[in-house]
Amino acid sequence: MTVPGSAKYLFLAVTTDGADPIDHVILEVAWIVTDRYLHERERQTWLAPSCYLGAAQPAEEAQARGCDADLIERHATSGLWSELGQATPARSQYRDALVSTIEGYDWGVAPILAGWCVHRDRAFIRWWVPRVEERLSDLHLDLASVNLALGDCAGASAPALDLHARAMPRALASLERARDVYQALSIHASGGGA
């Protein structure tokens, strides 16, 4: 099934219980599909299947697994542990949903992964969802690097993003920053910023 209109970027964010994809798991995945002009085509958020899904005390499970105490607290404050504890496996089939999203659009070329911490998120996707990784372009839009460059060159840096925030707010923040960057580049290219 091809969705009308083309797509180019896959703004993806994963929330995890740590930094290493081999030792830690994905807790939540969010993605936003946009066209080349950053017009949103679709957005989805899914909980990931893990030892925390449906657990009576997910935060205690994370503590027993040796997860960082600050990270455990952040996920408690955001409500993620509570949501995971109440979830059912039916709410966790993000792998099939993500593959279906990728296959449902006319990308022209492979989807370009975009995000604030795109390398970390891609490492988790590579480890946990290799069939998605196989479908992605080798190119990516790394908004953390773009943010640093804008700060250094144009004094237009944005505040740092909480890398442990929930997945959809991070994906949305990445998309908004990309829009800011495209607007700044457009103004500069038209001679308005020279």
N, C-alpha and C. Protein backbone atom coordinates (compact mmCIF):
# COMPACT_ATOMS: atom_id res chain seq x y z
N MET A 1 0.84 -1.17 0.00
CA MET A 1 0.00 0.00 0.00
C MET A 1 0.89 1.24 0.00
N THR A 2 0.70 2.11 -0.95
CA THR A 2 1.46 3.34 -1.00
C THR A 2 0.58 4.50 -0.56
N VAL A 3 1.03 5.25 0.41
CA VAL A 3 0.30 6.41 0.90
C VAL A 3 0.52 7.54 -0.08
N PRO A 4 -0.54 8.30 -0.45
CA PRO A 4 -0.34 9.40 -1.39
C PRO A 4 0.72 10.38 -0.89
N GLY A 5 1.54 10.85 -1.78
CA GLY A 5 2.59 11.77 -1.40
C GLY A 5 3.87 11.04 -1.09
N SER A 6 4.95 11.74 -1.25
CA SER A 6 6.24 11.11 -0.99
C SER A 6 6.72 11.44 0.41
N ALA A 7 7.68 10.68 0.86
CA ALA A 7 8.27 10.89 2.17
C ALA A 7 9.79 10.92 2.01
N LYS A 8 10.46 11.55 2.96
CA LYS A 8 11.91 11.61 2.88
C LYS A 8 12.57 11.32 4.22
N TYR A 9 12.08 11.95 5.30
CA TYR A 9 12.73 11.82 6.60
C TYR A 9 11.91 10.98 7.56
N LEU A 10 12.60 10.19 8.35
CA LEU A 10 12.01 9.43 9.44
C LEU A 10 12.62 9.98 10.72
N PHE A 11 11.89 10.90 11.39
CA PHE A 11 12.34 11.43 12.68
C PHE A 11 12.01 10.37 13.72
N LEU A 12 13.03 9.77 14.30
CA LEU A 12 12.85 8.64 15.18
C LEU A 12 13.50 8.93 16.52
N ALA A 13 12.85 8.50 17.59
CA ALA A 13 13.44 8.61 18.93
C ALA A 13 13.11 7.35 19.70
N VAL A 14 14.07 6.86 20.44
CA VAL A 14 13.84 5.72 21.31
C VAL A 14 14.15 6.13 22.75
N THR A 15 13.32 5.65 23.66
CA THR A 15 13.59 5.82 25.09
C THR A 15 14.04 4.46 25.58
N THR A 16 15.12 4.43 26.36
CA THR A 16 15.72 3.16 26.77
C THR A 16 15.95 3.13 28.27
N ASP A 17 16.42 1.99 28.76
CA ASP A 17 16.77 1.91 30.18
C ASP A 17 18.28 2.02 30.39
N GLY A 18 19.00 2.51 29.40
CA GLY A 18 20.44 2.71 29.50
C GLY A 18 21.02 3.11 28.16
N ALA A 19 22.34 3.21 28.09
CA ALA A 19 23.00 3.75 26.90
C ALA A 19 23.55 2.71 25.93
N ASP A 20 23.68 1.47 26.36
CA ASP A 20 24.31 0.44 25.53
C ASP A 20 23.26 -0.51 24.96
N PRO A 21 23.13 -0.59 23.64
CA PRO A 21 22.08 -1.44 23.07
C PRO A 21 22.25 -2.93 23.37
N ILE A 22 23.44 -3.36 23.71
CA ILE A 22 23.65 -4.78 24.01
C ILE A 22 23.15 -5.11 25.42
N ASP A 23 23.38 -4.19 26.36
CA ASP A 23 23.02 -4.44 27.75
C ASP A 23 21.68 -3.83 28.17
N HIS A 24 21.13 -2.95 27.34
CA HIS A 24 19.91 -2.25 27.71
C HIS A 24 18.84 -2.45 26.63
N VAL A 25 17.61 -2.11 26.97
CA VAL A 25 16.49 -2.36 26.07
C VAL A 25 15.77 -1.06 25.69
N ILE A 26 15.07 -1.14 24.58
CA ILE A 26 14.19 -0.05 24.16
C ILE A 26 12.91 -0.16 24.98
N LEU A 27 12.48 0.98 25.53
CA LEU A 27 11.23 1.02 26.28
C LEU A 27 10.09 1.60 25.46
N GLU A 28 10.43 2.58 24.63
CA GLU A 28 9.41 3.29 23.87
C GLU A 28 10.03 3.77 22.56
N VAL A 29 9.24 3.76 21.51
CA VAL A 29 9.70 4.22 20.20
C VAL A 29 8.66 5.19 19.65
N ALA A 30 9.13 6.30 19.08
CA ALA A 30 8.24 7.24 18.42
C ALA A 30 8.87 7.64 17.10
N TRP A 31 8.01 7.87 16.11
CA TRP A 31 8.53 8.33 14.83
C TRP A 31 7.54 9.27 14.17
N ILE A 32 8.11 10.15 13.36
CA ILE A 32 7.34 11.09 12.56
C ILE A 32 7.89 10.99 11.15
N VAL A 33 7.02 10.79 10.17
CA VAL A 33 7.41 10.75 8.77
C VAL A 33 7.13 12.13 8.19
N THR A 34 8.11 12.68 7.45
CA THR A 34 7.90 13.96 6.77
C THR A 34 8.34 13.85 5.32
N ASP A 35 7.87 14.79 4.53
CA ASP A 35 8.37 14.90 3.17
C ASP A 35 9.66 15.73 3.19
N ARG A 36 10.19 16.02 2.04
CA ARG A 36 11.46 16.76 1.97
C ARG A 36 11.34 18.19 2.49
N TYR A 37 10.11 18.72 2.56
CA TYR A 37 9.87 20.07 3.06
C TYR A 37 9.51 20.07 4.55
N LEU A 38 9.62 18.92 5.18
CA LEU A 38 9.35 18.72 6.59
C LEU A 38 7.88 18.86 6.94
N HIS A 39 7.01 18.60 5.97
CA HIS A 39 5.57 18.52 6.25
C HIS A 39 5.28 17.14 6.80
N GLU A 40 4.63 17.11 7.94
CA GLU A 40 4.36 15.84 8.60
C GLU A 40 3.35 15.01 7.82
N ARG A 41 3.67 13.71 7.67
CA ARG A 41 2.79 12.76 7.00
C ARG A 41 2.13 11.81 8.00
N GLU A 42 2.86 11.49 9.05
CA GLU A 42 2.35 10.49 10.01
C GLU A 42 3.19 10.57 11.28
N ARG A 43 2.56 10.22 12.40
CA ARG A 43 3.32 10.06 13.65
C ARG A 43 2.74 8.91 14.45
N GLN A 44 3.62 8.18 15.12
CA GLN A 44 3.20 7.05 15.95
C GLN A 44 4.11 6.94 17.17
N THR A 45 3.54 6.44 18.25
CA THR A 45 4.29 6.13 19.47
C THR A 45 3.90 4.73 19.90
N TRP A 46 4.91 3.92 20.25
CA TRP A 46 4.67 2.54 20.68
C TRP A 46 5.53 2.22 21.89
N LEU A 47 5.00 1.42 22.79
CA LEU A 47 5.81 0.85 23.85
C LEU A 47 6.50 -0.38 23.28
N ALA A 48 7.68 -0.65 23.74
CA ALA A 48 8.45 -1.78 23.22
C ALA A 48 8.31 -2.99 24.14
N PRO A 49 8.30 -4.19 23.57
CA PRO A 49 8.27 -5.37 24.43
C PRO A 49 9.59 -5.48 25.19
N SER A 50 9.49 -5.67 26.47
CA SER A 50 10.68 -5.79 27.31
C SER A 50 10.27 -6.48 28.60
N CYS A 51 11.24 -6.68 29.48
CA CYS A 51 10.96 -7.30 30.77
C CYS A 51 10.07 -6.40 31.63
N TYR A 52 9.92 -5.13 31.25
CA TYR A 52 9.13 -4.18 32.04
C TYR A 52 7.65 -4.19 31.66
N LEU A 53 7.34 -4.70 30.49
CA LEU A 53 5.98 -4.65 29.99
C LEU A 53 5.08 -5.53 30.85
N GLY A 54 4.09 -4.93 31.46
CA GLY A 54 3.17 -5.65 32.33
C GLY A 54 3.74 -6.01 33.69
N ALA A 55 4.96 -5.55 34.00
CA ALA A 55 5.57 -5.86 35.30
C ALA A 55 4.85 -5.12 36.41
N ALA A 56 4.72 -5.77 37.56
CA ALA A 56 4.04 -5.15 38.70
C ALA A 56 4.80 -3.91 39.19
N GLN A 57 6.11 -3.95 39.18
CA GLN A 57 6.95 -2.85 39.66
C GLN A 57 8.09 -2.60 38.68
N PRO A 58 7.84 -1.98 37.54
CA PRO A 58 8.89 -1.78 36.53
C PRO A 58 10.12 -1.03 37.05
N ALA A 59 9.92 -0.02 37.90
CA ALA A 59 11.06 0.75 38.41
C ALA A 59 11.96 -0.13 39.27
N GLU A 60 11.36 -1.01 40.08
CA GLU A 60 12.17 -1.92 40.89
C GLU A 60 12.90 -2.94 40.01
N GLU A 61 12.24 -3.35 38.94
CA GLU A 61 12.88 -4.25 37.97
C GLU A 61 14.11 -3.58 37.36
N ALA A 62 13.98 -2.30 37.02
CA ALA A 62 15.10 -1.54 36.46
C ALA A 62 16.23 -1.42 37.48
N GLN A 63 15.89 -1.18 38.72
CA GLN A 63 16.90 -1.09 39.77
C GLN A 63 17.63 -2.42 39.93
N ALA A 64 16.89 -3.52 39.90
CA ALA A 64 17.50 -4.86 40.01
C ALA A 64 18.41 -5.14 38.83
N ARG A 65 18.10 -4.58 37.66
CA ARG A 65 18.95 -4.77 36.48
C ARG A 65 20.16 -3.85 36.50
N GLY A 66 20.27 -2.99 37.52
CA GLY A 66 21.43 -2.12 37.63
C GLY A 66 21.34 -0.84 36.82
N CYS A 67 20.14 -0.42 36.47
CA CYS A 67 19.98 0.82 35.71
C CYS A 67 20.31 2.03 36.57
N ASP A 68 20.71 3.08 35.91
CA ASP A 68 21.08 4.32 36.56
C ASP A 68 19.90 4.89 37.37
N ALA A 69 20.15 5.27 38.63
CA ALA A 69 19.10 5.76 39.51
C ALA A 69 18.44 7.02 38.97
N ASP A 70 19.23 7.92 38.39
CA ASP A 70 18.68 9.15 37.82
C ASP A 70 17.73 8.83 36.67
N LEU A 71 18.11 7.88 35.84
CA LEU A 71 17.27 7.47 34.71
C LEU A 71 15.98 6.83 35.21
N ILE A 72 16.07 6.02 36.24
CA ILE A 72 14.88 5.39 36.82
C ILE A 72 13.93 6.47 37.33
N GLU A 73 14.47 7.47 37.99
CA GLU A 73 13.65 8.57 38.50
C GLU A 73 13.01 9.37 37.38
N ARG A 74 13.76 9.64 36.33
CA ARG A 74 13.21 10.40 35.19
C ARG A 74 12.04 9.65 34.55
N HIS A 75 12.19 8.35 34.39
CA HIS A 75 11.11 7.56 33.80
C HIS A 75 9.90 7.48 34.74
N ALA A 76 10.15 7.51 36.04
CA ALA A 76 9.03 7.54 37.01
C ALA A 76 8.29 8.87 36.91
N THR A 77 9.04 9.95 36.86
CA THR A 77 8.44 11.28 36.76
C THR A 77 7.63 11.46 35.48
N SER A 78 8.14 10.91 34.37
CA SER A 78 7.46 11.06 33.09
C SER A 78 6.23 10.15 32.96
N GLY A 79 6.10 9.19 33.87
CA GLY A 79 4.98 8.26 33.81
C GLY A 79 5.24 7.02 32.97
N LEU A 80 6.47 6.89 32.45
CA LEU A 80 6.76 5.76 31.58
C LEU A 80 6.68 4.43 32.31
N TRP A 81 7.23 4.34 33.53
CA TRP A 81 7.18 3.07 34.27
C TRP A 81 5.74 2.65 34.49
N SER A 82 4.90 3.60 34.89
CA SER A 82 3.49 3.29 35.13
C SER A 82 2.82 2.79 33.86
N GLU A 83 3.08 3.47 32.75
CA GLU A 83 2.47 3.07 31.48
C GLU A 83 2.95 1.68 31.05
N LEU A 84 4.24 1.41 31.23
CA LEU A 84 4.76 0.08 30.88
C LEU A 84 4.14 -1.01 31.75
N GLY A 85 4.00 -0.73 33.04
CA GLY A 85 3.44 -1.71 33.96
C GLY A 85 2.00 -2.07 33.63
N GLN A 86 1.26 -1.12 33.04
CA GLN A 86 -0.14 -1.35 32.71
C GLN A 86 -0.35 -1.85 31.28
N ALA A 87 0.71 -1.91 30.50
CA ALA A 87 0.58 -2.24 29.07
C ALA A 87 0.40 -3.73 28.84
N THR A 88 -0.15 -4.03 27.71
CA THR A 88 -0.31 -5.41 27.27
C THR A 88 0.56 -5.63 26.03
N PRO A 89 0.92 -6.86 25.72
CA PRO A 89 1.75 -7.12 24.55
C PRO A 89 1.18 -6.55 23.25
N ALA A 90 -0.13 -6.44 23.13
CA ALA A 90 -0.72 -5.91 21.90
C ALA A 90 -0.29 -4.47 21.64
N ARG A 91 0.06 -3.73 22.69
CA ARG A 91 0.48 -2.34 22.52
C ARG A 91 1.97 -2.24 22.23
N SER A 92 2.63 -3.36 22.01
CA SER A 92 4.08 -3.32 21.91
C SER A 92 4.63 -3.84 20.58
N GLN A 93 3.81 -3.93 19.58
CA GLN A 93 4.27 -4.51 18.31
C GLN A 93 4.85 -3.43 17.39
N TYR A 94 5.74 -2.62 17.94
CA TYR A 94 6.29 -1.49 17.18
C TYR A 94 7.13 -1.93 15.99
N ARG A 95 7.76 -3.08 16.06
CA ARG A 95 8.61 -3.52 14.95
C ARG A 95 7.81 -3.63 13.66
N ASP A 96 6.70 -4.34 13.71
CA ASP A 96 5.86 -4.49 12.52
C ASP A 96 5.28 -3.15 12.08
N ALA A 97 4.89 -2.33 13.04
CA ALA A 97 4.31 -1.02 12.70
C ALA A 97 5.35 -0.13 12.02
N LEU A 98 6.57 -0.15 12.50
CA LEU A 98 7.63 0.68 11.91
C LEU A 98 7.97 0.19 10.50
N VAL A 99 8.08 -1.11 10.32
CA VAL A 99 8.34 -1.66 8.99
C VAL A 99 7.19 -1.31 8.05
N SER A 100 5.96 -1.44 8.53
CA SER A 100 4.80 -1.11 7.72
C SER A 100 4.80 0.36 7.32
N THR A 101 5.18 1.23 8.23
CA THR A 101 5.27 2.66 7.92
C THR A 101 6.29 2.89 6.82
N ILE A 102 7.44 2.28 6.95
CA ILE A 102 8.50 2.47 5.95
C ILE A 102 8.05 1.93 4.59
N GLU A 103 7.40 0.79 4.58
CA GLU A 103 6.97 0.20 3.33
C GLU A 103 5.73 0.89 2.74
N GLY A 104 5.03 1.69 3.54
CA GLY A 104 3.80 2.31 3.10
C GLY A 104 3.95 3.63 2.35
N TYR A 105 5.16 4.12 2.23
CA TYR A 105 5.38 5.41 1.57
C TYR A 105 6.26 5.24 0.34
N ASP A 106 6.11 6.18 -0.56
CA ASP A 106 7.01 6.27 -1.71
C ASP A 106 8.15 7.18 -1.27
N TRP A 107 9.25 6.59 -0.86
CA TRP A 107 10.39 7.35 -0.34
C TRP A 107 11.29 7.87 -1.46
N GLY A 108 11.17 7.31 -2.63
CA GLY A 108 12.09 7.68 -3.71
C GLY A 108 13.42 6.98 -3.53
N VAL A 109 14.04 7.19 -2.41
CA VAL A 109 15.24 6.47 -1.98
C VAL A 109 14.95 5.98 -0.56
N ALA A 110 15.90 5.34 0.04
CA ALA A 110 15.68 4.83 1.40
C ALA A 110 15.43 6.00 2.37
N PRO A 111 14.60 5.77 3.40
CA PRO A 111 14.32 6.83 4.37
C PRO A 111 15.60 7.34 5.04
N ILE A 112 15.66 8.65 5.22
CA ILE A 112 16.79 9.27 5.91
C ILE A 112 16.41 9.41 7.38
N LEU A 113 17.17 8.77 8.25
CA LEU A 113 16.91 8.83 9.67
C LEU A 113 17.29 10.22 10.19
N ALA A 114 16.41 10.81 10.98
CA ALA A 114 16.65 12.14 11.53
C ALA A 114 16.35 12.12 13.01
N GLY A 115 17.10 12.92 13.77
CA GLY A 115 16.84 13.00 15.20
C GLY A 115 17.92 13.74 15.94
N TRP A 116 17.66 13.95 17.21
CA TRP A 116 18.58 14.71 18.06
C TRP A 116 19.79 13.87 18.44
N CYS A 117 19.57 12.62 18.73
CA CYS A 117 20.69 11.71 19.07
C CYS A 117 20.61 10.51 18.12
N VAL A 118 20.73 10.81 16.84
CA VAL A 118 20.48 9.85 15.78
C VAL A 118 21.44 8.66 15.83
N HIS A 119 22.68 8.87 16.23
CA HIS A 119 23.63 7.76 16.27
C HIS A 119 23.26 6.76 17.36
N ARG A 120 22.90 7.25 18.53
CA ARG A 120 22.51 6.38 19.64
C ARG A 120 21.22 5.63 19.27
N ASP A 121 20.24 6.37 18.76
CA ASP A 121 18.97 5.73 18.39
C ASP A 121 19.18 4.69 17.29
N ARG A 122 20.03 5.02 16.33
CA ARG A 122 20.30 4.07 15.24
C ARG A 122 20.99 2.82 15.77
N ALA A 123 21.87 2.97 16.75
CA ALA A 123 22.54 1.80 17.33
C ALA A 123 21.51 0.87 17.97
N PHE A 124 20.53 1.45 18.68
CA PHE A 124 19.48 0.61 19.27
C PHE A 124 18.63 -0.05 18.19
N ILE A 125 18.28 0.69 17.15
CA ILE A 125 17.49 0.11 16.05
C ILE A 125 18.28 -1.00 15.35
N ARG A 126 19.58 -0.75 15.13
CA ARG A 126 20.42 -1.76 14.48
C ARG A 126 20.44 -3.05 15.31
N TRP A 127 20.53 -2.94 16.61
CA TRP A 127 20.62 -4.11 17.47
C TRP A 127 19.27 -4.80 17.66
N TRP A 128 18.22 -4.01 17.90
CA TRP A 128 16.92 -4.57 18.27
C TRP A 128 15.96 -4.76 17.10
N VAL A 129 16.12 -3.99 16.02
CA VAL A 129 15.19 -4.09 14.89
C VAL A 129 15.98 -4.06 13.58
N PRO A 130 16.79 -5.09 13.31
CA PRO A 130 17.64 -5.06 12.12
C PRO A 130 16.86 -4.95 10.81
N ARG A 131 15.60 -5.42 10.77
CA ARG A 131 14.87 -5.28 9.50
C ARG A 131 14.52 -3.84 9.20
N VAL A 132 14.48 -2.98 10.20
CA VAL A 132 14.29 -1.54 9.95
C VAL A 132 15.63 -0.94 9.50
N GLU A 133 16.68 -1.28 10.19
CA GLU A 133 18.01 -0.76 9.85
C GLU A 133 18.34 -1.05 8.39
N GLU A 134 17.98 -2.23 7.92
CA GLU A 134 18.27 -2.62 6.53
C GLU A 134 17.56 -1.73 5.52
N ARG A 135 16.47 -1.10 5.92
CA ARG A 135 15.68 -0.29 5.00
C ARG A 135 16.06 1.19 5.02
N LEU A 136 16.90 1.59 5.96
CA LEU A 136 17.26 3.00 6.11
C LEU A 136 18.42 3.39 5.21
N SER A 137 18.43 4.65 4.82
CA SER A 137 19.55 5.20 4.07
C SER A 137 20.79 5.25 4.96
N ASP A 138 21.95 5.27 4.34
CA ASP A 138 23.18 5.48 5.10
C ASP A 138 23.28 6.94 5.56
N LEU A 139 22.54 7.82 4.91
CA LEU A 139 22.53 9.23 5.29
C LEU A 139 21.68 9.42 6.54
N HIS A 140 21.93 10.49 7.26
CA HIS A 140 21.11 10.84 8.41
C HIS A 140 21.16 12.35 8.63
N LEU A 141 20.18 12.85 9.34
CA LEU A 141 20.12 14.25 9.71
C LEU A 141 20.31 14.31 11.22
N ASP A 142 21.53 14.66 11.63
CA ASP A 142 21.93 14.69 13.04
C ASP A 142 21.71 16.10 13.57
N LEU A 143 20.60 16.30 14.27
CA LEU A 143 20.23 17.65 14.70
C LEU A 143 21.06 18.14 15.88
N ALA A 144 21.66 17.27 16.65
CA ALA A 144 22.56 17.73 17.72
C ALA A 144 23.78 18.40 17.11
N SER A 145 24.33 17.81 16.05
CA SER A 145 25.49 18.42 15.38
C SER A 145 25.12 19.72 14.69
N VAL A 146 23.95 19.72 14.03
CA VAL A 146 23.48 20.95 13.38
C VAL A 146 23.30 22.05 14.41
N ASN A 147 22.75 21.69 15.56
CA ASN A 147 22.54 22.65 16.63
C ASN A 147 23.85 23.27 17.09
N LEU A 148 24.88 22.43 17.25
CA LEU A 148 26.20 22.94 17.65
C LEU A 148 26.77 23.86 16.58
N ALA A 149 26.65 23.47 15.31
CA ALA A 149 27.17 24.29 14.23
C ALA A 149 26.47 25.64 14.17
N LEU A 150 25.16 25.64 14.33
CA LEU A 150 24.43 26.91 14.31
C LEU A 150 24.84 27.80 15.48
N GLY A 151 25.06 27.18 16.62
CA GLY A 151 25.50 27.96 17.77
C GLY A 151 26.86 28.57 17.55
N ASP A 152 27.77 27.80 16.97
CA ASP A 152 29.13 28.30 16.72
C ASP A 152 29.18 29.33 15.61
N CYS A 153 28.43 29.11 14.55
CA CYS A 153 28.53 29.97 13.35
C CYS A 153 27.57 31.14 13.36
N ALA A 154 26.38 30.93 13.88
CA ALA A 154 25.35 31.96 13.74
C ALA A 154 24.78 32.42 15.07
N GLY A 155 25.28 31.88 16.16
CA GLY A 155 24.74 32.26 17.46
C GLY A 155 23.28 31.89 17.62
N ALA A 156 22.84 30.84 16.95
CA ALA A 156 21.42 30.48 16.94
C ALA A 156 21.19 29.12 17.58
N SER A 157 21.89 28.81 18.63
CA SER A 157 21.73 27.48 19.24
C SER A 157 20.43 27.41 20.03
N ALA A 158 19.90 26.21 20.09
CA ALA A 158 18.70 25.94 20.88
C ALA A 158 19.12 25.29 22.18
N PRO A 159 18.26 25.31 23.17
CA PRO A 159 18.60 24.64 24.43
C PRO A 159 18.84 23.15 24.20
N ALA A 160 19.68 22.57 25.03
CA ALA A 160 19.96 21.14 24.92
C ALA A 160 18.68 20.35 25.19
N LEU A 161 18.57 19.22 24.55
CA LEU A 161 17.39 18.37 24.69
C LEU A 161 17.66 17.31 25.74
N ASP A 162 16.66 17.02 26.56
CA ASP A 162 16.77 15.95 27.55
C ASP A 162 16.72 14.62 26.81
N LEU A 163 17.85 13.94 26.73
CA LEU A 163 17.93 12.69 25.97
C LEU A 163 17.17 11.55 26.62
N HIS A 164 16.71 11.76 27.86
CA HIS A 164 15.95 10.71 28.54
C HIS A 164 14.46 11.05 28.60
N ALA A 165 14.05 12.08 27.89
CA ALA A 165 12.64 12.43 27.83
C ALA A 165 11.88 11.34 27.08
N ARG A 166 10.58 11.40 27.14
CA ARG A 166 9.76 10.45 26.40
C ARG A 166 10.05 10.58 24.92
N ALA A 167 9.78 9.52 24.18
CA ALA A 167 10.19 9.45 22.78
C ALA A 167 9.51 10.48 21.89
N MET A 168 8.19 10.63 21.97
CA MET A 168 7.51 11.55 21.05
C MET A 168 7.92 13.00 21.29
N PRO A 169 8.04 13.48 22.52
CA PRO A 169 8.53 14.86 22.68
C PRO A 169 9.92 15.08 22.07
N ARG A 170 10.77 14.05 22.13
CA ARG A 170 12.10 14.18 21.51
C ARG A 170 12.00 14.20 20.00
N ALA A 171 11.14 13.35 19.43
CA ALA A 171 10.95 13.35 17.97
C ALA A 171 10.38 14.69 17.50
N LEU A 172 9.41 15.22 18.25
CA LEU A 172 8.82 16.52 17.89
C LEU A 172 9.84 17.65 18.02
N ALA A 173 10.66 17.61 19.07
CA ALA A 173 11.70 18.64 19.24
C ALA A 173 12.70 18.58 18.10
N SER A 174 13.03 17.38 17.65
CA SER A 174 13.95 17.22 16.52
C SER A 174 13.35 17.81 15.25
N LEU A 175 12.08 17.52 15.01
CA LEU A 175 11.40 18.05 13.83
C LEU A 175 11.34 19.58 13.88
N GLU A 176 11.01 20.13 15.03
CA GLU A 176 10.94 21.60 15.15
C GLU A 176 12.31 22.23 14.92
N ARG A 177 13.36 21.60 15.44
CA ARG A 177 14.70 22.16 15.22
C ARG A 177 15.08 22.07 13.75
N ALA A 178 14.72 20.97 13.09
CA ALA A 178 15.00 20.85 11.66
C ALA A 178 14.27 21.95 10.89
N ARG A 179 13.04 22.24 11.26
CA ARG A 179 12.30 23.32 10.61
C ARG A 179 12.98 24.67 10.83
N ASP A 180 13.47 24.90 12.05
CA ASP A 180 14.20 26.14 12.33
C ASP A 180 15.43 26.25 11.44
N VAL A 181 16.15 25.15 11.31
CA VAL A 181 17.37 25.13 10.50
C VAL A 181 17.02 25.39 9.04
N TYR A 182 16.02 24.71 8.52
CA TYR A 182 15.64 24.91 7.12
C TYR A 182 15.20 26.35 6.87
N GLN A 183 14.48 26.93 7.82
CA GLN A 183 14.05 28.32 7.67
C GLN A 183 15.25 29.25 7.68
N ALA A 184 16.20 29.04 8.59
CA ALA A 184 17.40 29.88 8.65
C ALA A 184 18.21 29.76 7.37
N LEU A 185 18.35 28.54 6.86
CA LEU A 185 19.10 28.34 5.62
C LEU A 185 18.38 28.98 4.43
N SER A 186 17.06 28.90 4.42
CA SER A 186 16.27 29.51 3.35
C SER A 186 16.44 31.02 3.33
N ILE A 187 16.39 31.64 4.52
CA ILE A 187 16.57 33.09 4.62
C ILE A 187 17.96 33.48 4.15
N HIS A 188 18.94 32.71 4.60
CA HIS A 188 20.34 33.01 4.22
C HIS A 188 20.52 32.84 2.72
N ALA A 189 19.97 31.77 2.14
CA ALA A 189 20.13 31.50 0.71
C ALA A 189 19.46 32.57 -0.15
N SER A 190 18.38 33.16 0.37
CA SER A 190 17.68 34.19 -0.40
C SER A 190 18.31 35.57 -0.25
N GLY A 191 19.39 35.64 0.54
CA GLY A 191 20.08 36.91 0.74
C GLY A 191 19.59 37.71 1.92
N GLY A 192 18.59 37.20 2.62
CA GLY A 192 18.05 37.91 3.77
C GLY A 192 18.91 37.83 5.01
N GLY A 193 19.85 36.90 5.04
CA GLY A 193 20.69 36.75 6.22
C GLY A 193 22.11 37.15 5.99
N ALA A 194 22.42 37.70 4.81
CA ALA A 194 23.80 38.04 4.49
C ALA A 194 24.18 39.38 5.05
